[in-house]
């Protein structure tokens, strides 16, 4: 049975040895992790404001919890809700069409 040079039978490098060996890769990964946390998880913490009666000047822990009270208030007024939904859809369509027309008319070429 022949073995390749540098490899021992049944033993592999432990995780700590791999980390020491590839620390540069971990450093390259840090900005990506920071961005994922900043844009993926930090906004979730702000969602709690939708369920609190936020009063500026007091902490979030002291703000009274109101649950779905404000969602019920928005959804109970059907006339305004339909108008708001229509405006949202129309503005979304306008935005998408403006993006599409902008992409087709603006061409950026690198000069090498």
N, C-alpha and C. Protein backbone atom coordinates (compact mmCIF):
# COMPACT_ATOMS: atom_id res chain seq x y z
N UNK A 1 0.85 -1.18 0.00
CA UNK A 1 0.00 0.00 0.00
C UNK A 1 0.89 1.24 0.00
N UNK A 2 0.73 2.06 -1.00
CA UNK A 2 1.55 3.26 -1.10
C UNK A 2 0.73 4.47 -0.65
N UNK A 3 1.39 5.40 -0.02
CA UNK A 3 0.73 6.61 0.47
C UNK A 3 1.37 7.83 -0.17
N UNK A 4 0.58 8.82 -0.38
CA UNK A 4 1.10 10.06 -0.93
C UNK A 4 1.94 10.77 0.12
N UNK A 5 2.91 11.52 -0.34
CA UNK A 5 3.78 12.26 0.58
C UNK A 5 2.98 13.32 1.31
N UNK A 6 3.27 13.49 2.58
CA UNK A 6 2.65 14.55 3.36
C UNK A 6 1.32 14.16 3.97
N UNK A 7 0.74 13.02 3.62
CA UNK A 7 -0.53 12.61 4.19
C UNK A 7 -0.29 11.44 5.12
N UNK A 8 -0.86 11.51 6.29
CA UNK A 8 -0.75 10.39 7.21
C UNK A 8 -2.03 9.59 7.14
N UNK A 9 -1.95 8.35 7.47
CA UNK A 9 -3.09 7.45 7.36
C UNK A 9 -4.15 7.81 8.38
N UNK A 10 -5.37 8.19 7.92
CA UNK A 10 -6.52 8.40 8.79
C UNK A 10 -6.52 9.71 9.55
N UNK A 11 -5.53 10.55 9.43
CA UNK A 11 -5.49 11.81 10.17
C UNK A 11 -5.68 12.98 9.22
N UNK A 12 -6.49 13.90 9.64
CA UNK A 12 -6.68 15.12 8.85
C UNK A 12 -6.41 16.32 9.74
N UNK A 13 -6.19 17.44 9.12
CA UNK A 13 -5.92 18.66 9.88
C UNK A 13 -7.18 19.06 10.65
N UNK A 14 -7.01 19.44 11.90
CA UNK A 14 -8.14 19.85 12.73
C UNK A 14 -8.65 21.22 12.31
N UNK A 15 -9.82 21.60 12.82
CA UNK A 15 -10.40 22.89 12.44
C UNK A 15 -9.50 24.07 12.83
N UNK A 16 -8.83 24.00 13.96
CA UNK A 16 -7.99 25.12 14.37
C UNK A 16 -6.80 25.29 13.44
N UNK A 17 -6.26 24.20 12.94
CA UNK A 17 -5.14 24.29 12.00
C UNK A 17 -5.60 24.87 10.67
N UNK A 18 -6.82 24.52 10.25
CA UNK A 18 -7.36 25.06 8.99
C UNK A 18 -7.62 26.56 9.13
N UNK A 19 -8.11 26.99 10.29
CA UNK A 19 -8.38 28.40 10.50
C UNK A 19 -7.07 29.18 10.48
N UNK A 20 -6.05 28.67 11.14
CA UNK A 20 -4.76 29.35 11.14
C UNK A 20 -4.18 29.43 9.75
N UNK A 21 -4.39 28.37 8.96
CA UNK A 21 -3.85 28.31 7.62
C UNK A 21 -4.59 29.27 6.68
N UNK A 22 -5.90 29.36 6.80
CA UNK A 22 -6.73 30.13 5.87
C UNK A 22 -7.32 31.39 6.52
N UNK A 23 -6.58 32.04 7.40
CA UNK A 23 -7.12 33.21 8.08
C UNK A 23 -7.41 34.35 7.11
N UNK A 24 -6.68 34.43 6.02
CA UNK A 24 -6.94 35.49 5.04
C UNK A 24 -8.33 35.35 4.42
N UNK A 25 -8.74 34.13 4.18
CA UNK A 25 -10.08 33.91 3.63
C UNK A 25 -11.16 34.38 4.61
N UNK A 26 -10.92 34.16 5.89
CA UNK A 26 -11.88 34.62 6.89
C UNK A 26 -11.93 36.14 6.95
N UNK A 27 -10.79 36.78 6.76
CA UNK A 27 -10.76 38.24 6.75
C UNK A 27 -11.54 38.77 5.54
N UNK A 28 -11.41 38.09 4.39
CA UNK A 28 -12.17 38.49 3.21
C UNK A 28 -13.67 38.28 3.42
N UNK A 29 -14.04 37.35 4.25
CA UNK A 29 -15.44 37.05 4.50
C UNK A 29 -16.10 38.06 5.44
N UNK A 30 -15.32 38.72 6.27
CA UNK A 30 -15.88 39.63 7.27
C UNK A 30 -16.74 40.75 6.69
N UNK A 31 -16.33 41.47 5.63
CA UNK A 31 -17.22 42.51 5.10
C UNK A 31 -18.57 41.95 4.63
N UNK A 32 -18.56 40.76 4.06
CA UNK A 32 -19.82 40.15 3.63
C UNK A 32 -20.71 39.84 4.82
N UNK A 33 -20.13 39.33 5.87
CA UNK A 33 -20.91 39.03 7.07
C UNK A 33 -21.48 40.31 7.69
N UNK A 34 -20.69 41.36 7.70
CA UNK A 34 -21.17 42.63 8.25
C UNK A 34 -22.36 43.15 7.43
N UNK A 35 -22.26 43.07 6.12
CA UNK A 35 -23.36 43.52 5.26
C UNK A 35 -24.61 42.68 5.44
N UNK A 36 -24.45 41.38 5.55
CA UNK A 36 -25.61 40.50 5.76
C UNK A 36 -26.29 40.82 7.07
N UNK A 37 -25.52 41.03 8.10
CA UNK A 37 -26.11 41.36 9.40
C UNK A 37 -26.75 42.75 9.36
N UNK A 38 -26.05 43.71 8.75
CA UNK A 38 -26.57 45.09 8.73
C UNK A 38 -27.85 45.22 7.92
N UNK A 39 -27.91 44.58 6.76
CA UNK A 39 -29.08 44.75 5.89
C UNK A 39 -30.09 43.62 6.00
N UNK A 40 -29.72 42.52 6.63
CA UNK A 40 -30.63 41.40 6.75
C UNK A 40 -31.28 41.26 8.11
N UNK A 41 -30.53 41.54 9.17
CA UNK A 41 -31.03 41.29 10.50
C UNK A 41 -31.34 42.54 11.31
N UNK A 42 -30.62 43.62 11.11
CA UNK A 42 -30.89 44.84 11.87
C UNK A 42 -32.29 45.40 11.58
N UNK A 43 -32.76 45.40 10.32
CA UNK A 43 -34.13 45.91 10.09
C UNK A 43 -35.20 45.11 10.81
N UNK A 44 -34.96 43.85 11.07
CA UNK A 44 -35.94 43.04 11.78
C UNK A 44 -36.19 43.60 13.18
N UNK A 45 -35.14 44.14 13.79
CA UNK A 45 -35.30 44.73 15.12
C UNK A 45 -36.22 45.95 15.06
N UNK A 46 -36.26 46.64 13.92
CA UNK A 46 -37.13 47.80 13.78
C UNK A 46 -38.59 47.45 13.60
N UNK A 47 -38.86 46.22 13.22
CA UNK A 47 -40.26 45.81 13.03
C UNK A 47 -41.06 45.86 14.32
N UNK A 48 -40.39 45.84 15.43
CA UNK A 48 -41.11 45.88 16.71
C UNK A 48 -41.88 47.19 16.87
N UNK A 49 -41.44 48.24 16.18
CA UNK A 49 -42.14 49.53 16.27
C UNK A 49 -43.56 49.45 15.74
N UNK A 50 -43.84 48.51 14.86
CA UNK A 50 -45.19 48.38 14.32
C UNK A 50 -46.17 47.88 15.38
N UNK A 51 -45.67 47.29 16.42
CA UNK A 51 -46.53 46.71 17.46
C UNK A 51 -46.48 47.50 18.77
N UNK A 52 -45.80 48.64 18.76
CA UNK A 52 -45.69 49.46 19.95
C UNK A 52 -46.30 50.83 19.70
N UNK A 53 -46.78 51.46 20.75
CA UNK A 53 -47.20 52.85 20.68
C UNK A 53 -45.98 53.68 21.04
N UNK A 54 -45.15 53.92 20.02
CA UNK A 54 -43.86 54.57 20.24
C UNK A 54 -44.04 56.04 20.59
N UNK A 55 -43.41 56.44 21.65
CA UNK A 55 -43.43 57.83 22.10
C UNK A 55 -41.97 58.29 22.17
N UNK A 56 -41.60 59.28 21.36
CA UNK A 56 -40.21 59.75 21.40
C UNK A 56 -39.83 60.24 22.79
N UNK A 57 -38.64 59.91 23.19
CA UNK A 57 -38.15 60.35 24.49
C UNK A 57 -38.17 59.26 25.55
N UNK A 58 -38.94 58.19 25.31
CA UNK A 58 -38.90 57.08 26.26
C UNK A 58 -38.36 55.85 25.54
N UNK A 59 -37.85 54.91 26.29
CA UNK A 59 -37.24 53.75 25.67
C UNK A 59 -38.31 52.81 25.10
N UNK A 60 -37.88 51.94 24.20
CA UNK A 60 -38.81 50.98 23.60
C UNK A 60 -39.39 50.03 24.65
N UNK A 61 -38.63 49.75 25.69
CA UNK A 61 -39.11 48.85 26.75
C UNK A 61 -40.28 49.47 27.51
N UNK A 62 -40.29 50.80 27.59
CA UNK A 62 -41.34 51.49 28.33
C UNK A 62 -42.56 51.81 27.46
N UNK A 63 -42.44 51.68 26.13
CA UNK A 63 -43.56 51.97 25.23
C UNK A 63 -44.63 50.89 25.38
N UNK A 64 -45.90 51.29 25.42
CA UNK A 64 -46.96 50.29 25.58
C UNK A 64 -47.13 49.43 24.33
N UNK A 65 -47.37 48.14 24.53
CA UNK A 65 -47.60 47.20 23.45
C UNK A 65 -49.05 47.31 23.01
N UNK A 66 -49.28 47.52 21.69
CA UNK A 66 -50.64 47.68 21.19
C UNK A 66 -51.04 46.54 20.25
N UNK A 67 -50.12 45.68 19.90
CA UNK A 67 -50.45 44.54 19.04
C UNK A 67 -50.84 44.97 17.64
N UNK A 68 -51.97 44.49 17.16
CA UNK A 68 -52.43 44.76 15.80
C UNK A 68 -53.41 45.92 15.70
N UNK A 69 -53.45 46.76 16.71
CA UNK A 69 -54.41 47.87 16.76
C UNK A 69 -54.29 48.77 15.53
N UNK A 70 -53.09 49.15 15.16
CA UNK A 70 -52.90 50.07 14.03
C UNK A 70 -53.15 49.39 12.70
N UNK A 71 -52.87 48.10 12.60
CA UNK A 71 -53.20 47.37 11.38
C UNK A 71 -54.71 47.29 11.19
N UNK A 72 -55.43 47.04 12.27
CA UNK A 72 -56.90 47.02 12.20
C UNK A 72 -57.44 48.38 11.80
N UNK A 73 -56.84 49.44 12.31
CA UNK A 73 -57.27 50.80 11.98
C UNK A 73 -57.09 51.07 10.49
N UNK A 74 -55.99 50.65 9.92
CA UNK A 74 -55.73 50.86 8.49
C UNK A 74 -56.71 50.04 7.65
N UNK A 75 -56.90 48.79 8.00
CA UNK A 75 -57.73 47.90 7.20
C UNK A 75 -59.22 48.14 7.35
N UNK A 76 -59.65 48.80 8.43
CA UNK A 76 -61.08 49.01 8.66
C UNK A 76 -61.65 50.10 7.74
N UNK A 77 -60.84 51.04 7.30
CA UNK A 77 -61.31 52.11 6.42
C UNK A 77 -61.12 51.65 4.98
N UNK A 78 -62.13 50.97 4.43
CA UNK A 78 -61.97 50.32 3.12
C UNK A 78 -61.83 51.31 1.97
N UNK A 79 -62.48 52.47 2.04
CA UNK A 79 -62.39 53.44 0.95
C UNK A 79 -60.97 53.96 0.80
N UNK A 80 -60.38 54.37 1.89
CA UNK A 80 -59.00 54.85 1.84
C UNK A 80 -58.02 53.72 1.54
N UNK A 81 -58.32 52.53 2.04
CA UNK A 81 -57.41 51.41 1.81
C UNK A 81 -57.35 51.06 0.33
N UNK A 82 -58.48 51.06 -0.35
CA UNK A 82 -58.48 50.78 -1.79
C UNK A 82 -57.73 51.85 -2.57
N UNK A 83 -57.89 53.11 -2.16
CA UNK A 83 -57.18 54.21 -2.82
C UNK A 83 -55.67 54.07 -2.61
N UNK A 84 -55.28 53.74 -1.41
CA UNK A 84 -53.85 53.57 -1.10
C UNK A 84 -53.27 52.40 -1.89
N UNK A 85 -54.00 51.29 -1.97
CA UNK A 85 -53.51 50.12 -2.72
C UNK A 85 -53.39 50.45 -4.21
N UNK A 86 -54.38 51.18 -4.75
CA UNK A 86 -54.34 51.56 -6.16
C UNK A 86 -53.14 52.46 -6.43
N UNK A 87 -52.92 53.45 -5.57
CA UNK A 87 -51.78 54.34 -5.74
C UNK A 87 -50.46 53.58 -5.65
N UNK A 88 -50.38 52.61 -4.76
CA UNK A 88 -49.16 51.83 -4.62
C UNK A 88 -48.87 51.03 -5.88
N UNK A 89 -49.88 50.40 -6.43
CA UNK A 89 -49.70 49.60 -7.65
C UNK A 89 -49.33 50.51 -8.82
N UNK A 90 -50.01 51.65 -8.96
CA UNK A 90 -49.73 52.57 -10.07
C UNK A 90 -48.30 53.11 -9.96
N UNK A 91 -47.90 53.53 -8.78
CA UNK A 91 -46.54 54.04 -8.61
C UNK A 91 -45.49 52.96 -8.85
N UNK A 92 -45.79 51.74 -8.47
CA UNK A 92 -44.88 50.63 -8.72
C UNK A 92 -44.71 50.39 -10.21
N UNK A 93 -45.81 50.42 -10.95
CA UNK A 93 -45.75 50.23 -12.41
C UNK A 93 -44.97 51.38 -13.07
N UNK A 94 -45.21 52.60 -12.63
CA UNK A 94 -44.49 53.75 -13.17
C UNK A 94 -43.00 53.61 -12.89
N UNK A 95 -42.66 53.20 -11.69
CA UNK A 95 -41.26 53.04 -11.31
C UNK A 95 -40.59 51.97 -12.16
N UNK A 96 -41.24 50.84 -12.35
CA UNK A 96 -40.66 49.76 -13.16
C UNK A 96 -40.51 50.18 -14.61
N UNK A 97 -41.49 50.89 -15.15
CA UNK A 97 -41.38 51.31 -16.55
C UNK A 97 -40.27 52.35 -16.71
N UNK A 98 -40.09 53.23 -15.72
CA UNK A 98 -39.02 54.22 -15.79
C UNK A 98 -37.66 53.54 -15.71
N UNK A 99 -37.54 52.51 -14.88
CA UNK A 99 -36.28 51.76 -14.80
C UNK A 99 -35.98 51.08 -16.13
N UNK A 100 -37.01 50.50 -16.72
CA UNK A 100 -36.83 49.78 -17.98
C UNK A 100 -36.42 50.74 -19.10
N UNK A 101 -37.08 51.90 -19.20
CA UNK A 101 -36.74 52.86 -20.25
C UNK A 101 -35.35 53.46 -20.00
N UNK A 102 -34.98 53.63 -18.75
CA UNK A 102 -33.67 54.16 -18.42
C UNK A 102 -32.58 53.17 -18.81
N UNK A 103 -32.82 51.89 -18.60
CA UNK A 103 -31.84 50.86 -18.98
C UNK A 103 -31.64 50.79 -20.47
N UNK A 104 -32.71 51.02 -21.23
CA UNK A 104 -32.60 50.88 -22.68
C UNK A 104 -31.97 52.12 -23.33
N UNK A 105 -31.99 53.27 -22.66
CA UNK A 105 -31.44 54.48 -23.27
C UNK A 105 -30.04 54.83 -22.77
N UNK A 106 -29.68 54.44 -21.58
CA UNK A 106 -28.38 54.77 -21.02
C UNK A 106 -27.42 53.60 -21.21
N UNK A 107 -26.38 53.83 -21.94
CA UNK A 107 -25.38 52.80 -22.15
C UNK A 107 -24.05 53.33 -21.65
N UNK A 108 -23.51 52.65 -20.66
CA UNK A 108 -22.21 53.03 -20.14
C UNK A 108 -21.19 52.06 -20.68
N UNK A 109 -20.19 52.59 -21.33
CA UNK A 109 -19.16 51.74 -21.89
C UNK A 109 -17.83 52.12 -21.25
N UNK A 110 -17.13 51.12 -20.82
CA UNK A 110 -15.81 51.37 -20.27
C UNK A 110 -14.81 51.57 -21.39
N UNK A 111 -13.87 52.47 -21.18
CA UNK A 111 -12.87 52.74 -22.20
C UNK A 111 -11.64 51.87 -22.03
N UNK A 112 -11.76 50.85 -21.21
CA UNK A 112 -10.69 49.88 -21.10
C UNK A 112 -9.64 50.34 -20.23
